[in-house]
C-alpha atoms as a PDB file:
ATOM      1  CA  MET A   1      -6.524 -22.400   0.534  1.00  0.00           C
ATOM      2  CA  THR A   2      -7.958 -18.788   1.030  1.00  0.00           C
ATOM      3  CA  SER A   3      -5.424 -17.928   3.792  1.00  0.00           C
ATOM      4  CA  GLY A   4      -3.779 -15.416   1.150  1.00  0.00           C
ATOM      5  CA  ILE A   5      -6.933 -13.666  -0.361  1.00  0.00           C
ATOM      6  CA  LYS A   6      -7.684 -10.067   0.883  1.00  0.00           C
ATOM      7  CA  PHE A   7     -10.539  -8.152  -0.351  1.00  0.00           C
ATOM      8  CA  THR A   8     -10.886  -4.803  -1.427  1.00  0.00           C
ATOM      9  CA  SER A   9     -13.771  -2.735   0.470  1.00  0.00           C
ATOM     10  CA  ASN A  10     -15.465  -2.586  -2.733  1.00  0.00           C
ATOM     11  CA  GLU A  11     -15.312  -6.268  -2.552  1.00  0.00           C
ATOM     12  CA  MET A  12     -16.566  -6.309   1.225  1.00  0.00           C
ATOM     13  CA  ARG A  13     -19.412  -4.403  -0.039  1.00  0.00           C
ATOM     14  CA  TYR A  14     -20.467  -6.868  -2.923  1.00  0.00           C
ATOM     15  CA  ILE A  15     -20.097  -9.925  -0.317  1.00  0.00           C
ATOM     16  CA  ALA A  16     -22.247  -7.993   2.293  1.00  0.00           C
ATOM     17  CA  LEU A  17     -25.086  -7.831  -0.209  1.00  0.00           C
ATOM     18  CA  PHE A  18     -24.644 -10.798  -1.319  1.00  0.00           C
ATOM     19  CA  GLU A  19     -25.072 -12.507   1.991  1.00  0.00           C
ATOM     20  CA  SER A  20     -27.765 -10.207   3.202  1.00  0.00           C
ATOM     21  CA  ILE A  21     -30.079 -11.253   0.132  1.00  0.00           C
ATOM     22  CA  THR A  22     -29.297 -14.668  -0.673  1.00  0.00           C
ATOM     23  CA  ASN A  23     -28.409 -16.167   3.355  1.00  0.00           C
ATOM     24  CA  ALA A  24     -25.783 -18.057   1.457  1.00  0.00           C
ATOM     25  CA  SER A  25     -21.581 -17.985   2.401  1.00  0.00           C
ATOM     26  CA  VAL A  26     -19.353 -16.351   0.313  1.00  0.00           C
ATOM     27  CA  LYS A  27     -16.023 -17.522   0.445  1.00  0.00           C
ATOM     28  CA  ASP A  28     -14.505 -15.154  -2.439  1.00  0.00           C
ATOM     29  CA  CYS A  29     -15.544 -12.720  -4.498  1.00  0.00           C
ATOM     30  CA  ILE A  30     -14.034 -11.288  -7.701  1.00  0.00           C
ATOM     31  CA  ILE A  31     -15.046  -8.085  -9.297  1.00  0.00           C
ATOM     32  CA  ASP A  32     -14.192  -8.245 -13.432  1.00  0.00           C
ATOM     33  CA  GLU A  33     -15.053  -4.665 -14.573  1.00  0.00           C
ATOM     34  CA  GLU A  34     -13.691  -5.687 -17.777  1.00  0.00           C
ATOM     35  CA  GLN A  35     -16.559  -8.044 -18.218  1.00  0.00           C
ATOM     36  CA  GLY A  36     -18.923  -6.376 -16.187  1.00  0.00           C
ATOM     37  CA  ARG A  37     -19.602  -9.250 -13.788  1.00  0.00           C
ATOM     38  CA  VAL A  38     -18.979 -10.295 -10.283  1.00  0.00           C
ATOM     39  CA  ILE A  39     -18.021 -13.750  -9.478  1.00  0.00           C
ATOM     40  CA  PHE A  40     -18.901 -15.096  -6.250  1.00  0.00           C
ATOM     41  CA  VAL A  41     -17.359 -18.689  -4.840  1.00  0.00           C
ATOM     42  CA  VAL A  42     -19.877 -20.132  -2.551  1.00  0.00           C
ATOM     43  CA  ASN A  43     -19.473 -22.772   0.113  1.00  0.00           C
ATOM     44  CA  THR A  44     -20.363 -26.232  -0.863  1.00  0.00           C
ATOM     45  CA  GLY A  45     -23.828 -27.010  -0.839  1.00  0.00           C
ATOM     46  CA  GLN A  46     -24.652 -23.254  -0.952  1.00  0.00           C
ATOM     47  CA  VAL A  47     -25.225 -22.657  -4.700  1.00  0.00           C
ATOM     48  CA  GLY A  48     -29.167 -23.424  -4.528  1.00  0.00           C
ATOM     49  CA  VAL A  49     -29.960 -21.087  -1.598  1.00  0.00           C
ATOM     50  CA  ALA A  50     -27.616 -18.201  -3.350  1.00  0.00           C
ATOM     51  CA  ILE A  51     -29.526 -18.462  -6.765  1.00  0.00           C
ATOM     52  CA  GLY A  52     -32.664 -18.642  -5.119  1.00  0.00           C
ATOM     53  CA  ARG A  53     -36.120 -20.093  -6.442  1.00  0.00           C
ATOM     54  CA  GLY A  54     -36.139 -19.734 -10.026  1.00  0.00           C
ATOM     55  CA  GLY A  55     -33.192 -17.288  -9.602  1.00  0.00           C
ATOM     56  CA  ARG A  56     -34.760 -14.580  -7.821  1.00  0.00           C
ATOM     57  CA  ASN A  57     -31.752 -13.500  -5.737  1.00  0.00           C
ATOM     58  CA  ILE A  58     -29.201 -13.372  -8.476  1.00  0.00           C
ATOM     59  CA  ARG A  59     -31.840 -11.051 -10.617  1.00  0.00           C
ATOM     60  CA  THR A  60     -32.658  -9.042  -7.580  1.00  0.00           C
ATOM     61  CA  LEU A  61     -28.782  -8.479  -7.004  1.00  0.00           C
ATOM     62  CA  GLU A  62     -28.119  -7.971 -10.933  1.00  0.00           C
ATOM     63  CA  ARG A  63     -30.771  -5.209 -10.893  1.00  0.00           C
ATOM     64  CA  MET A  64     -29.348  -3.600  -7.770  1.00  0.00           C
ATOM     65  CA  THR A  65     -25.411  -3.554  -8.987  1.00  0.00           C
ATOM     66  CA  GLY A  66     -26.029  -3.492 -12.723  1.00  0.00           C
ATOM     67  CA  LYS A  67     -23.294  -6.190 -12.976  1.00  0.00           C
ATOM     68  CA  LYS A  68     -23.814  -9.975 -14.299  1.00  0.00           C
ATOM     69  CA  HIS A  69     -23.219 -12.340 -11.314  1.00  0.00           C
ATOM     70  CA  GLU A  70     -21.943 -15.663 -11.795  1.00  0.00           C
ATOM     71  CA  ILE A  71     -21.917 -18.435  -8.748  1.00  0.00           C
ATOM     72  CA  ILE A  72     -19.454 -20.836  -8.424  1.00  0.00           C
ATOM     73  CA  GLU A  73     -19.386 -23.608  -5.626  1.00  0.00           C
ATOM     74  CA  TYR A  74     -16.377 -24.271  -3.689  1.00  0.00           C
ATOM     75  CA  SER A  75     -14.937 -27.754  -3.223  1.00  0.00           C
ATOM     76  CA  ASP A  76     -11.635 -28.887  -1.366  1.00  0.00           C
ATOM     77  CA  SER A  77     -10.924 -31.383  -4.798  1.00  0.00           C
ATOM     78  CA  PRO A  78      -9.450 -29.465  -7.342  1.00  0.00           C
ATOM     79  CA  ALA A  79     -11.107 -31.830  -9.835  1.00  0.00           C
ATOM     80  CA  GLN A  80     -14.388 -30.983  -8.334  1.00  0.00           C
ATOM     81  CA  PHE A  81     -14.002 -27.792  -8.102  1.00  0.00           C
ATOM     82  CA  ILE A  82     -13.305 -27.234 -11.749  1.00  0.00           C
ATOM     83  CA  LYS A  83     -16.421 -29.262 -12.538  1.00  0.00           C
ATOM     84  CA  ASN A  84     -18.238 -26.831 -10.819  1.00  0.00           C
ATOM     85  CA  ALA A  85     -16.868 -23.466 -12.388  1.00  0.00           C
ATOM     86  CA  LEU A  86     -17.539 -25.028 -15.566  1.00  0.00           C
ATOM     87  CA  LYS A  87     -21.327 -25.953 -15.374  1.00  0.00           C
ATOM     88  CA  PRO A  88     -23.570 -26.055 -16.984  1.00  0.00           C
ATOM     89  CA  ALA A  89     -21.215 -28.028 -19.312  1.00  0.00           C
ATOM     90  CA  THR A  90     -20.578 -31.663 -19.212  1.00  0.00           C
ATOM     91  CA  VAL A  91     -17.220 -32.304 -17.890  1.00  0.00           C
ATOM     92  CA  ARG A  92     -15.940 -35.739 -18.914  1.00  0.00           C
ATOM     93  CA  GLU A  93     -12.455 -35.865 -17.365  1.00  0.00           C
ATOM     94  CA  VAL A  94     -10.315 -33.512 -15.450  1.00  0.00           C
ATOM     95  CA  ARG A  95      -6.647 -34.666 -15.385  1.00  0.00           C
ATOM     96  CA  ILE A  96      -4.361 -32.541 -13.102  1.00  0.00           C
ATOM     97  CA  THR A  97      -0.616 -33.219 -13.549  1.00  0.00           C
ATOM     98  CA  GLU A  98       2.398 -32.061 -12.308  1.00  0.00           C
ATOM     99  CA  ARG A  99       5.048 -30.829 -14.829  1.00  0.00           C
ATOM    100  CA  PRO A 100       8.854 -31.365 -13.868  1.00  0.00           C
ATOM    101  CA  ASP A 101       9.624 -27.876 -13.404  1.00  0.00           C
ATOM    102  CA  GLY A 102       6.927 -28.375 -10.611  1.00  0.00           C
ATOM    103  CA  LYS A 103       4.298 -26.420 -11.971  1.00  0.00           C
ATOM    104  CA  SER A 104       0.609 -28.047 -12.159  1.00  0.00           C
ATOM    105  CA  ILE A 105      -1.606 -27.982 -15.047  1.00  0.00           C
ATOM    106  CA  ALA A 106      -5.010 -29.093 -15.733  1.00  0.00           C
ATOM    107  CA  VAL A 107      -6.366 -30.751 -18.742  1.00  0.00           C
ATOM    108  CA  VAL A 108     -10.351 -30.695 -18.942  1.00  0.00           C
ATOM    109  CA  THR A 109     -12.035 -32.787 -21.315  1.00  0.00           C
ATOM    110  CA  VAL A 110     -15.828 -32.075 -22.191  1.00  0.00           C
ATOM    111  CA  ASN A 111     -18.465 -33.232 -24.235  1.00  0.00           C
ATOM    112  CA  PRO A 112     -17.817 -31.886 -27.348  1.00  0.00           C
ATOM    113  CA  ARG A 113     -21.153 -30.223 -27.759  1.00  0.00           C
ATOM    114  CA  ASP A 114     -20.571 -28.184 -24.437  1.00  0.00           C
ATOM    115  CA  LYS A 115     -17.192 -27.308 -25.508  1.00  0.00           C
ATOM    116  CA  GLY A 116     -18.410 -23.507 -26.559  1.00  0.00           C
ATOM    117  CA  VAL A 117     -20.192 -23.213 -23.219  1.00  0.00           C
ATOM    118  CA  ALA A 118     -17.339 -24.262 -21.285  1.00  0.00           C
ATOM    119  CA  ILE A 119     -14.746 -22.055 -23.087  1.00  0.00           C
ATOM    120  CA  GLY A 120     -17.388 -19.224 -23.189  1.00  0.00           C
ATOM    121  CA  LYS A 121     -17.827 -15.929 -25.419  1.00  0.00           C
ATOM    122  CA  ASN A 122     -14.240 -14.582 -26.239  1.00  0.00           C
ATOM    123  CA  GLY A 123     -12.847 -17.288 -23.726  1.00  0.00           C
ATOM    124  CA  ARG A 124     -13.826 -15.279 -20.696  1.00  0.00           C
ATOM    125  CA  ASN A 125     -15.249 -18.495 -18.901  1.00  0.00           C
ATOM    126  CA  ALA A 126     -12.028 -20.440 -19.880  1.00  0.00           C
ATOM    127  CA  GLU A 127     -10.207 -17.073 -18.555  1.00  0.00           C
ATOM    128  CA  ARG A 128     -11.800 -17.308 -15.143  1.00  0.00           C
ATOM    129  CA  LEU A 129     -11.439 -20.798 -14.515  1.00  0.00           C
ATOM    130  CA  ARG A 130      -7.528 -20.059 -14.978  1.00  0.00           C
ATOM    131  CA  PHE A 131      -7.741 -17.678 -12.396  1.00  0.00           C
ATOM    132  CA  LEU A 132      -9.757 -19.397 -10.031  1.00  0.00           C
ATOM    133  CA  ALA A 133      -7.777 -22.904 -10.345  1.00  0.00           C
ATOM    134  CA  LYS A 134      -4.576 -20.654  -9.794  1.00  0.00           C
ATOM    135  CA  ARG A 135      -5.916 -18.777  -6.989  1.00  0.00           C
ATOM    136  CA  TYR A 136      -7.111 -21.684  -5.128  1.00  0.00           C
ATOM    137  CA  PHE A 137      -4.847 -24.780  -6.366  1.00  0.00           C
ATOM    138  CA  GLN A 138      -1.747 -23.275  -7.828  1.00  0.00           C
ATOM    139  CA  ILE A 139      -2.707 -24.750 -11.120  1.00  0.00           C
ATOM    140  CA  GLN A 140      -0.521 -22.833 -13.436  1.00  0.00           C
ATOM    141  CA  ASN A 141      -2.811 -23.528 -16.747  1.00  0.00           C
ATOM    142  CA  VAL A 142      -6.118 -25.062 -18.112  1.00  0.00           C
ATOM    143  CA  SER A 143      -6.481 -26.691 -21.008  1.00  0.00           C
ATOM    144  CA  ILE A 144     -10.047 -27.579 -22.217  1.00  0.00           C
ATOM    145  CA  THR A 145     -10.397 -29.808 -24.762  1.00  0.00           C
END
């Protein structure tokens, strides 16, 4: 899935720093200057290692870079990946359908009290999810209900 992803030298530096501090393997790195954050997609089962005990690794990285760091666990299954990307929100259902024009869309149903967490402030989590779903699974749109 990641065969078409090319990293900038800046992203490569973030990946090297992240891997040296956390000992977790990075699959992808997105620098979001507009939101002041760096999003890392780590291999399956490595979220805990990446975060570190009590969030120690994340705090260290954020102090060193001055940016917020977000970690998402990768999955080959689009539905599981979407669930991982929306954590800590409780996802009830993920329906992925293909429209007649060939484009895929995902409809995600979350627990009503977690809807704000899933969408994020000013829609930043929803925007991140749409970007990643398109990047990995060619899902054109994701709607959160």
